[in-house]
Amino acid sequence: MKIKPLGKRVLVKEIEEEKEEDRTTEGGIVLPDSAQSDDKYVRAEVMAVGTDASIEVEEGDQVVLSSFSGTEVELEGEELRIVKANNVLAKLE
């Protein structure tokens, strides 16, 4: 099954950056996910773009977006997010 966002929306998949040094304190204590810092942004990969011609990102681009933006959907076991194009804060190059 494929999903195509409509209008000024973008389908993204969050890129999870797992770094062991970020999860361990200087004293060697491993922090659980619930104790991790609350990031204000999410790094994601664009999976599909909407039908509006003014969208400035393409499939495969890596972007930064607000952490609580969009609607989460699950498609074929993958967790994806549909966000408005104006919630995309930056394109990583």
PDB file of N, CA and C in Angstrom:
ATOM      1  N   MET A   1       0.846  -1.173   0.000  1.00  0.00           N
ATOM      2  CA  MET A   1       0.000   0.000   0.000  1.00  0.00           C
ATOM      3  C   MET A   1       0.892   1.237   0.000  1.00  0.00           C
ATOM      4  N   LYS A   2       0.544   2.215  -0.804  1.00  0.00           N
ATOM      5  CA  LYS A   2       1.273   3.478  -0.853  1.00  0.00           C
ATOM      6  C   LYS A   2       0.383   4.567  -0.281  1.00  0.00           C
ATOM      7  N   ILE A   3       1.013   5.604   0.200  1.00  0.00           N
ATOM      8  CA  ILE A   3       0.274   6.740   0.729  1.00  0.00           C
ATOM      9  C   ILE A   3       0.840   8.003   0.096  1.00  0.00           C
ATOM     10  N   LYS A   4      -0.021   8.862  -0.389  1.00  0.00           N
ATOM     11  CA  LYS A   4       0.384  10.105  -1.048  1.00  0.00           C
ATOM     12  C   LYS A   4      -0.279  11.259  -0.305  1.00  0.00           C
ATOM     13  N   PRO A   5       0.513  12.115   0.348  1.00  0.00           N
ATOM     14  CA  PRO A   5      -0.079  13.272   1.021  1.00  0.00           C
ATOM     15  C   PRO A   5      -0.697  14.228   0.009  1.00  0.00           C
ATOM     16  N   LEU A   6      -1.718  14.924   0.428  1.00  0.00           N
ATOM     17  CA  LEU A   6      -2.396  15.879  -0.446  1.00  0.00           C
ATOM     18  C   LEU A   6      -2.046  17.310  -0.059  1.00  0.00           C
ATOM     19  N   GLY A   7      -2.150  18.209  -1.010  1.00  0.00           N
ATOM     20  CA  GLY A   7      -1.943  19.631  -0.746  1.00  0.00           C
ATOM     21  C   GLY A   7      -0.531  19.930  -0.279  1.00  0.00           C
ATOM     22  N   LYS A   8      -0.440  20.789   0.726  1.00  0.00           N
ATOM     23  CA  LYS A   8       0.855  21.219   1.252  1.00  0.00           C
ATOM     24  C   LYS A   8       1.267  20.356   2.441  1.00  0.00           C
ATOM     25  N   ARG A   9       1.314  19.052   2.229  1.00  0.00           N
ATOM     26  CA  ARG A   9       1.701  18.129   3.284  1.00  0.00           C
ATOM     27  C   ARG A   9       2.855  17.250   2.812  1.00  0.00           C
ATOM     28  N   VAL A  10       3.617  16.748   3.790  1.00  0.00           N
ATOM     29  CA  VAL A  10       4.789  15.935   3.512  1.00  0.00           C
ATOM     30  C   VAL A  10       4.736  14.696   4.403  1.00  0.00           C
ATOM     31  N   LEU A  11       5.050  13.536   3.850  1.00  0.00           N
ATOM     32  CA  LEU A  11       5.136  12.294   4.604  1.00  0.00           C
ATOM     33  C   LEU A  11       6.592  12.078   4.966  1.00  0.00           C
ATOM     34  N   VAL A  12       6.878  11.919   6.256  1.00  0.00           N
ATOM     35  CA  VAL A  12       8.256  11.764   6.709  1.00  0.00           C
ATOM     36  C   VAL A  12       8.389  10.550   7.619  1.00  0.00           C
ATOM     37  N   LYS A  13       9.619  10.063   7.722  1.00  0.00           N
ATOM     38  CA  LYS A  13       9.961   8.987   8.641  1.00  0.00           C
ATOM     39  C   LYS A  13      11.059   9.517   9.545  1.00  0.00           C
ATOM     40  N   GLU A  14      10.835   9.455  10.842  1.00  0.00           N
ATOM     41  CA  GLU A  14      11.801   9.978  11.804  1.00  0.00           C
ATOM     42  C   GLU A  14      13.098   9.185  11.742  1.00  0.00           C
ATOM     43  N   ILE A  15      14.205   9.915  11.790  1.00  0.00           N
ATOM     44  CA  ILE A  15      15.529   9.297  11.826  1.00  0.00           C
ATOM     45  C   ILE A  15      15.950   9.275  13.285  1.00  0.00           C
ATOM     46  N   GLU A  16      16.102   8.074  13.815  1.00  0.00           N
ATOM     47  CA  GLU A  16      16.497   7.940  15.213  1.00  0.00           C
ATOM     48  C   GLU A  16      18.002   7.838  15.292  1.00  0.00           C
ATOM     49  N   GLU A  17      18.588   8.767  16.026  1.00  0.00           N
ATOM     50  CA  GLU A  17      20.033   8.778  16.191  1.00  0.00           C
ATOM     51  C   GLU A  17      20.351   8.187  17.553  1.00  0.00           C
ATOM     52  N   GLU A  18      20.841   6.981  17.566  1.00  0.00           N
ATOM     53  CA  GLU A  18      21.153   6.280  18.810  1.00  0.00           C
ATOM     54  C   GLU A  18      22.651   6.382  19.052  1.00  0.00           C
ATOM     55  N   LYS A  19      23.023   7.166  20.030  1.00  0.00           N
ATOM     56  CA  LYS A  19      24.430   7.318  20.382  1.00  0.00           C
ATOM     57  C   LYS A  19      24.597   6.872  21.825  1.00  0.00           C
ATOM     58  N   GLU A  20      25.426   5.876  22.032  1.00  0.00           N
ATOM     59  CA  GLU A  20      25.608   5.325  23.370  1.00  0.00           C
ATOM     60  C   GLU A  20      26.159   6.369  24.331  1.00  0.00           C
ATOM     61  N   GLU A  21      27.067   7.242  23.845  1.00  0.00           N
ATOM     62  CA  GLU A  21      27.637   8.236  24.755  1.00  0.00           C
ATOM     63  C   GLU A  21      26.589   9.239  25.229  1.00  0.00           C
ATOM     64  N   ASP A  22      25.519   9.442  24.454  1.00  0.00           N
ATOM     65  CA  ASP A  22      24.452  10.337  24.871  1.00  0.00           C
ATOM     66  C   ASP A  22      23.562   9.697  25.932  1.00  0.00           C
ATOM     67  N   ARG A  23      23.571   8.382  26.022  1.00  0.00           N
ATOM     68  CA  ARG A  23      22.701   7.673  26.948  1.00  0.00           C
ATOM     69  C   ARG A  23      23.410   7.345  28.250  1.00  0.00           C
ATOM     70  N   THR A  24      24.709   7.594  28.338  1.00  0.00           N
ATOM     71  CA  THR A  24      25.475   7.251  29.518  1.00  0.00           C
ATOM     72  C   THR A  24      26.055   8.520  30.142  1.00  0.00           C
ATOM     73  N   THR A  25      25.888   8.666  31.449  1.00  0.00           N
ATOM     74  CA  THR A  25      26.435   9.829  32.144  1.00  0.00           C
ATOM     75  C   THR A  25      27.944   9.655  32.311  1.00  0.00           C
ATOM     76  N   GLU A  26      28.617  10.715  32.751  1.00  0.00           N
ATOM     77  CA  GLU A  26      30.060  10.644  32.963  1.00  0.00           C
ATOM     78  C   GLU A  26      30.420   9.603  34.015  1.00  0.00           C
ATOM     79  N   GLY A  27      29.524   9.360  34.962  1.00  0.00           N
ATOM     80  CA  GLY A  27      29.760   8.367  36.009  1.00  0.00           C
ATOM     81  C   GLY A  27      29.462   6.946  35.575  1.00  0.00           C
ATOM     82  N   GLY A  28      28.982   6.762  34.333  1.00  0.00           N
ATOM     83  CA  GLY A  28      28.724   5.425  33.820  1.00  0.00           C
ATOM     84  C   GLY A  28      27.295   4.950  33.972  1.00  0.00           C
ATOM     85  N   ILE A  29      26.394   5.810  34.415  1.00  0.00           N
ATOM     86  CA  ILE A  29      24.992   5.428  34.572  1.00  0.00           C
ATOM     87  C   ILE A  29      24.297   5.529  33.225  1.00  0.00           C
ATOM     88  N   VAL A  30      23.640   4.454  32.833  1.00  0.00           N
ATOM     89  CA  VAL A  30      22.911   4.432  31.565  1.00  0.00           C
ATOM     90  C   VAL A  30      21.508   4.973  31.810  1.00  0.00           C
ATOM     91  N   LEU A  31      21.126   6.004  31.040  1.00  0.00           N
ATOM     92  CA  LEU A  31      19.830   6.635  31.207  1.00  0.00           C
ATOM     93  C   LEU A  31      18.765   5.923  30.377  1.00  0.00           C
ATOM     94  N   PRO A  32      17.578   5.682  30.952  1.00  0.00           N
ATOM     95  CA  PRO A  32      16.491   5.109  30.158  1.00  0.00           C
ATOM     96  C   PRO A  32      15.938   6.155  29.205  1.00  0.00           C
ATOM     97  N   ASP A  33      15.174   5.701  28.188  1.00  0.00           N
ATOM     98  CA  ASP A  33      14.607   6.616  27.208  1.00  0.00           C
ATOM     99  C   ASP A  33      13.763   7.703  27.868  1.00  0.00           C
ATOM    100  N   SER A  34      13.068   7.378  28.954  1.00  0.00           N
ATOM    101  CA  SER A  34      12.200   8.357  29.611  1.00  0.00           C
ATOM    102  C   SER A  34      12.986   9.496  30.256  1.00  0.00           C
ATOM    103  N   ALA A  35      14.267   9.295  30.489  1.00  0.00           N
ATOM    104  CA  ALA A  35      15.087  10.336  31.107  1.00  0.00           C
ATOM    105  C   ALA A  35      15.876  11.146  30.101  1.00  0.00           C
ATOM    106  N   GLN A  36      15.756  10.818  28.836  1.00  0.00           N
ATOM    107  CA  GLN A  36      16.469  11.557  27.803  1.00  0.00           C
ATOM    108  C   GLN A  36      15.915  12.968  27.709  1.00  0.00           C
ATOM    109  N   SER A  37      16.711  13.868  27.164  1.00  0.00           N
ATOM    110  CA  SER A  37      16.272  15.251  27.033  1.00  0.00           C
ATOM    111  C   SER A  37      15.103  15.360  26.064  1.00  0.00           C
ATOM    112  N   ASP A  38      14.228  16.323  26.299  1.00  0.00           N
ATOM    113  CA  ASP A  38      13.089  16.546  25.421  1.00  0.00           C
ATOM    114  C   ASP A  38      13.509  17.477  24.297  1.00  0.00           C
ATOM    115  N   ASP A  39      13.810  16.902  23.142  1.00  0.00           N
ATOM    116  CA  ASP A  39      14.219  17.710  22.009  1.00  0.00           C
ATOM    117  C   ASP A  39      13.033  18.506  21.486  1.00  0.00           C
ATOM    118  N   LYS A  40      13.306  19.681  21.007  1.00  0.00           N
ATOM    119  CA  LYS A  40      12.277  20.552  20.454  1.00  0.00           C
ATOM    120  C   LYS A  40      12.110  20.336  18.959  1.00  0.00           C
ATOM    121  N   TYR A  41      12.929  19.471  18.391  1.00  0.00           N
ATOM    122  CA  TYR A  41      12.862  19.222  16.952  1.00  0.00           C
ATOM    123  C   TYR A  41      13.091  17.744  16.670  1.00  0.00           C
ATOM    124  N   VAL A  42      12.753  17.330  15.455  1.00  0.00           N
ATOM    125  CA  VAL A  42      12.910  15.953  15.005  1.00  0.00           C
ATOM    126  C   VAL A  42      13.639  15.977  13.672  1.00  0.00           C
ATOM    127  N   ARG A  43      14.554  15.064  13.499  1.00  0.00           N
ATOM    128  CA  ARG A  43      15.229  14.894  12.212  1.00  0.00           C
ATOM    129  C   ARG A  43      14.499  13.771  11.485  1.00  0.00           C
ATOM    130  N   ALA A  44      14.163  13.984  10.213  1.00  0.00           N
ATOM    131  CA  ALA A  44      13.364  13.008   9.476  1.00  0.00           C
ATOM    132  C   ALA A  44      13.769  12.962   8.010  1.00  0.00           C
ATOM    133  N   GLU A  45      13.372  11.862   7.365  1.00  0.00           N
ATOM    134  CA  GLU A  45      13.593  11.704   5.929  1.00  0.00           C
ATOM    135  C   GLU A  45      12.249  11.822   5.222  1.00  0.00           C
ATOM    136  N   VAL A  46      12.222  12.573   4.130  1.00  0.00           N
ATOM    137  CA  VAL A  46      10.997  12.760   3.358  1.00  0.00           C
ATOM    138  C   VAL A  46      10.725  11.498   2.546  1.00  0.00           C
ATOM    139  N   MET A  47       9.545  10.917   2.747  1.00  0.00           N
ATOM    140  CA  MET A  47       9.155   9.700   2.032  1.00  0.00           C
ATOM    141  C   MET A  47       8.277  10.018   0.819  1.00  0.00           C
ATOM    142  N   ALA A  48       7.447  11.075   0.926  1.00  0.00           N
ATOM    143  CA  ALA A  48       6.574  11.494  -0.176  1.00  0.00           C
ATOM    144  C   ALA A  48       6.171  12.941   0.052  1.00  0.00           C
ATOM    145  N   VAL A  49       5.893  13.654  -1.028  1.00  0.00           N
ATOM    146  CA  VAL A  49       5.461  15.050  -0.924  1.00  0.00           C
ATOM    147  C   VAL A  49       4.051  15.187  -1.473  1.00  0.00           C
ATOM    148  N   GLY A  50       3.372  16.219  -1.002  1.00  0.00           N
ATOM    149  CA  GLY A  50       1.997  16.473  -1.412  1.00  0.00           C
ATOM    150  C   GLY A  50       1.882  16.961  -2.837  1.00  0.00           C
ATOM    151  N   THR A  51       0.659  17.265  -3.206  1.00  0.00           N
ATOM    152  CA  THR A  51       0.350  17.622  -4.587  1.00  0.00           C
ATOM    153  C   THR A  51       0.574  19.093  -4.906  1.00  0.00           C
ATOM    154  N   ASP A  52       0.832  19.919  -3.899  1.00  0.00           N
ATOM    155  CA  ASP A  52       1.042  21.351  -4.120  1.00  0.00           C
ATOM    156  C   ASP A  52       2.430  21.585  -4.720  1.00  0.00           C
ATOM    157  N   ALA A  53       2.516  22.372  -5.768  1.00  0.00           N
ATOM    158  CA  ALA A  53       3.777  22.611  -6.473  1.00  0.00           C
ATOM    159  C   ALA A  53       4.755  23.484  -5.693  1.00  0.00           C
ATOM    160  N   SER A  54       4.300  24.187  -4.654  1.00  0.00           N
ATOM    161  CA  SER A  54       5.180  25.110  -3.934  1.00  0.00           C
ATOM    162  C   SER A  54       5.996  24.443  -2.818  1.00  0.00           C
ATOM    163  N   ILE A  55       5.886  23.140  -2.639  1.00  0.00           N
ATOM    164  CA  ILE A  55       6.649  22.444  -1.607  1.00  0.00           C
ATOM    165  C   ILE A  55       8.114  22.406  -2.019  1.00  0.00           C
ATOM    166  N   GLU A  56       9.003  22.770  -1.095  1.00  0.00           N
ATOM    167  CA  GLU A  56      10.420  22.942  -1.419  1.00  0.00           C
ATOM    168  C   GLU A  56      11.295  21.739  -1.085  1.00  0.00           C
ATOM    169  N   VAL A  57      10.709  20.607  -0.714  1.00  0.00           N
ATOM    170  CA  VAL A  57      11.499  19.412  -0.430  1.00  0.00           C
ATOM    171  C   VAL A  57      11.100  18.305  -1.394  1.00  0.00           C
ATOM    172  N   GLU A  58      11.980  17.314  -1.525  1.00  0.00           N
ATOM    173  CA  GLU A  58      11.750  16.190  -2.426  1.00  0.00           C
ATOM    174  C   GLU A  58      11.926  14.888  -1.650  1.00  0.00           C
ATOM    175  N   GLU A  59      11.464  13.797  -2.233  1.00  0.00           N
ATOM    176  CA  GLU A  59      11.662  12.483  -1.633  1.00  0.00           C
ATOM    177  C   GLU A  59      13.144  12.248  -1.408  1.00  0.00           C
ATOM    178  N   GLY A  60      13.479  11.712  -0.238  1.00  0.00           N
ATOM    179  CA  GLY A  60      14.872  11.410   0.083  1.00  0.00           C
ATOM    180  C   GLY A  60      15.587  12.513   0.836  1.00  0.00           C
ATOM    181  N   ASP A  61      15.044  13.730   0.836  1.00  0.00           N
ATOM    182  CA  ASP A  61      15.667  14.827   1.577  1.00  0.00           C
ATOM    183  C   ASP A  61      15.593  14.557   3.073  1.00  0.00           C
ATOM    184  N   GLN A  62      16.614  15.007   3.803  1.00  0.00           N
ATOM    185  CA  GLN A  62      16.563  14.965   5.255  1.00  0.00           C
ATOM    186  C   GLN A  62      16.180  16.357   5.739  1.00  0.00           C
ATOM    187  N   VAL A  63      15.231  16.407   6.676  1.00  0.00           N
ATOM    188  CA  VAL A  63      14.688  17.675   7.132  1.00  0.00           C
ATOM    189  C   VAL A  63      14.636  17.723   8.655  1.00  0.00           C
ATOM    190  N   VAL A  64      14.454  18.928   9.170  1.00  0.00           N
ATOM    191  CA  VAL A  64      14.236  19.157  10.592  1.00  0.00           C
ATOM    192  C   VAL A  64      12.829  19.714  10.727  1.00  0.00           C
ATOM    193  N   LEU A  65      12.051  19.163  11.673  1.00  0.00           N
ATOM    194  CA  LEU A  65      10.701  19.661  11.896  1.00  0.00           C
ATOM    195  C   LEU A  65      10.399  19.722  13.382  1.00  0.00           C
ATOM    196  N   SER A  66       9.362  20.447  13.734  1.00  0.00           N
ATOM    197  CA  SER A  66       8.954  20.574  15.129  1.00  0.00           C
ATOM    198  C   SER A  66       8.609  19.201  15.688  1.00  0.00           C
ATOM    199  N   SER A  67       8.987  18.936  16.937  1.00  0.00           N
ATOM    200  CA  SER A  67       8.839  17.595  17.494  1.00  0.00           C
ATOM    201  C   SER A  67       7.399  17.133  17.635  1.00  0.00           C
ATOM    202  N   PHE A  68       6.464  18.025  17.881  1.00  0.00           N
ATOM    203  CA  PHE A  68       5.079  17.607  18.082  1.00  0.00           C
ATOM    204  C   PHE A  68       4.194  17.907  16.883  1.00  0.00           C
ATOM    205  N   SER A  69       4.787  18.178  15.736  1.00  0.00           N
ATOM    206  CA  SER A  69       3.986  18.518  14.557  1.00  0.00           C
ATOM    207  C   SER A  69       3.508  17.263  13.843  1.00  0.00           C
ATOM    208  N   GLY A  70       2.419  17.405  13.125  1.00  0.00           N
ATOM    209  CA  GLY A  70       1.942  16.344  12.256  1.00  0.00           C
ATOM    210  C   GLY A  70       1.058  15.305  12.909  1.00  0.00           C
ATOM    211  N   THR A  71       0.669  14.349  12.085  1.00  0.00           N
ATOM    212  CA  THR A  71      -0.183  13.247  12.496  1.00  0.00           C
ATOM    213  C   THR A  71       0.579  11.952  12.278  1.00  0.00           C
ATOM    214  N   GLU A  72       0.675  11.134  13.318  1.00  0.00           N
ATOM    215  CA  GLU A  72       1.389   9.874  13.208  1.00  0.00           C
ATOM    216  C   GLU A  72       0.489   8.827  12.572  1.00  0.00           C
ATOM    217  N   VAL A  73       1.059   8.071  11.621  1.00  0.00           N
ATOM    218  CA  VAL A  73       0.349   6.978  10.961  1.00  0.00           C
ATOM    219  C   VAL A  73       1.278   5.771  10.916  1.00  0.00           C
ATOM    220  N   GLU A  74       0.687   4.581  10.914  1.00  0.00           N
ATOM    221  CA  GLU A  74       1.476   3.371  10.772  1.00  0.00           C
ATOM    222  C   GLU A  74       1.085   2.699   9.471  1.00  0.00           C
ATOM    223  N   LEU A  75       2.083   2.415   8.648  1.00  0.00           N
ATOM    224  CA  LEU A  75       1.843   1.825   7.340  1.00  0.00           C
ATOM    225  C   LEU A  75       2.812   0.671   7.143  1.00  0.00           C
ATOM    226  N   GLU A  76       2.280  -0.529   7.009  1.00  0.00           N
ATOM    227  CA  GLU A  76       3.079  -1.732   6.813  1.00  0.00           C
ATOM    228  C   GLU A  76       4.177  -1.866   7.865  1.00  0.00           C
ATOM    229  N   GLY A  77       3.829  -1.606   9.119  1.00  0.00           N
ATOM    230  CA  GLY A  77       4.762  -1.768  10.223  1.00  0.00           C
ATOM    231  C   GLY A  77       5.713  -0.606  10.450  1.00  0.00           C
ATOM    232  N   GLU A  78       5.668   0.406   9.597  1.00  0.00           N
ATOM    233  CA  GLU A  78       6.539   1.574   9.757  1.00  0.00           C
ATOM    234  C   GLU A  78       5.756   2.724  10.380  1.00  0.00           C
ATOM    235  N   GLU A  79       6.387   3.411  11.317  1.00  0.00           N
ATOM    236  CA  GLU A  79       5.774   4.594  11.904  1.00  0.00           C
ATOM    237  C   GLU A  79       6.179   5.812  11.095  1.00  0.00           C
ATOM    238  N   LEU A  80       5.195   6.470  10.503  1.00  0.00           N
ATOM    239  CA  LEU A  80       5.418   7.637   9.664  1.00  0.00           C
ATOM    240  C   LEU A  80       4.638   8.809  10.234  1.00  0.00           C
ATOM    241  N   ARG A  81       4.897   9.982   9.690  1.00  0.00           N
ATOM    242  CA  ARG A  81       4.218  11.190  10.147  1.00  0.00           C
ATOM    243  C   ARG A  81       3.865  12.050   8.948  1.00  0.00           C
ATOM    244  N   ILE A  82       2.630  12.533   8.906  1.00  0.00           N
ATOM    245  CA  ILE A  82       2.214  13.476   7.868  1.00  0.00           C
ATOM    246  C   ILE A  82       2.228  14.863   8.504  1.00  0.00           C
ATOM    247  N   VAL A  83       3.047  15.759   7.941  1.00  0.00           N
ATOM    248  CA  VAL A  83       3.174  17.112   8.493  1.00  0.00           C
ATOM    249  C   VAL A  83       2.842  18.143   7.421  1.00  0.00           C
ATOM    250  N   LYS A  84       2.402  19.297   7.858  1.00  0.00           N
ATOM    251  CA  LYS A  84       2.198  20.408   6.929  1.00  0.00           C
ATOM    252  C   LYS A  84       3.564  20.906   6.477  1.00  0.00           C
ATOM    253  N   ALA A  85       3.645  21.320   5.240  1.00  0.00           N
ATOM    254  CA  ALA A  85       4.920  21.772   4.687  1.00  0.00           C
ATOM    255  C   ALA A  85       5.522  22.922   5.487  1.00  0.00           C
ATOM    256  N   ASN A  86       4.674  23.769   6.072  1.00  0.00           N
ATOM    257  CA  ASN A  86       5.226  24.886   6.854  1.00  0.00           C
ATOM    258  C   ASN A  86       5.764  24.457   8.214  1.00  0.00           C
ATOM    259  N   ASN A  87       5.564  23.183   8.622  1.00  0.00           N
ATOM    260  CA  ASN A  87       6.177  22.670   9.842  1.00  0.00           C
ATOM    261  C   ASN A  87       7.579  22.159   9.604  1.00  0.00           C
ATOM    262  N   VAL A  88       7.987  22.074   8.325  1.00  0.00           N
ATOM    263  CA  VAL A  88       9.362  21.710   8.012  1.00  0.00           C
ATOM    264  C   VAL A  88      10.209  22.948   8.238  1.00  0.00           C
ATOM    265  N   LEU A  89      11.092  22.867   9.227  1.00  0.00           N
ATOM    266  CA  LEU A  89      11.879  24.037   9.623  1.00  0.00           C
ATOM    267  C   LEU A  89      13.123  24.244   8.745  1.00  0.00           C
ATOM    268  N   ALA A  90      13.719  23.139   8.295  1.00  0.00           N
ATOM    269  CA  ALA A  90      14.951  23.250   7.507  1.00  0.00           C
ATOM    270  C   ALA A  90      15.180  21.981   6.717  1.00  0.00           C
ATOM    271  N   LYS A  91      15.969  22.112   5.663  1.00  0.00           N
ATOM    272  CA  LYS A  91      16.389  20.979   4.850  1.00  0.00           C
ATOM    273  C   LYS A  91      17.882  20.798   5.082  1.00  0.00           C
ATOM    274  N   LEU A  92      18.301  19.581   5.433  1.00  0.00           N
ATOM    275  CA  LEU A  92      19.710  19.307   5.699  1.00  0.00           C
ATOM    276  C   LEU A  92      20.418  18.990   4.393  1.00  0.00           C
ATOM    277  N   GLU A  93      21.580  19.573   4.201  1.00  0.00           N
ATOM    278  CA  GLU A  93      22.339  19.350   2.966  1.00  0.00           C
ATOM    279  C   GLU A  93      23.680  18.730   3.278  1.00  0.00           C
TER     280      GLU A  93
END
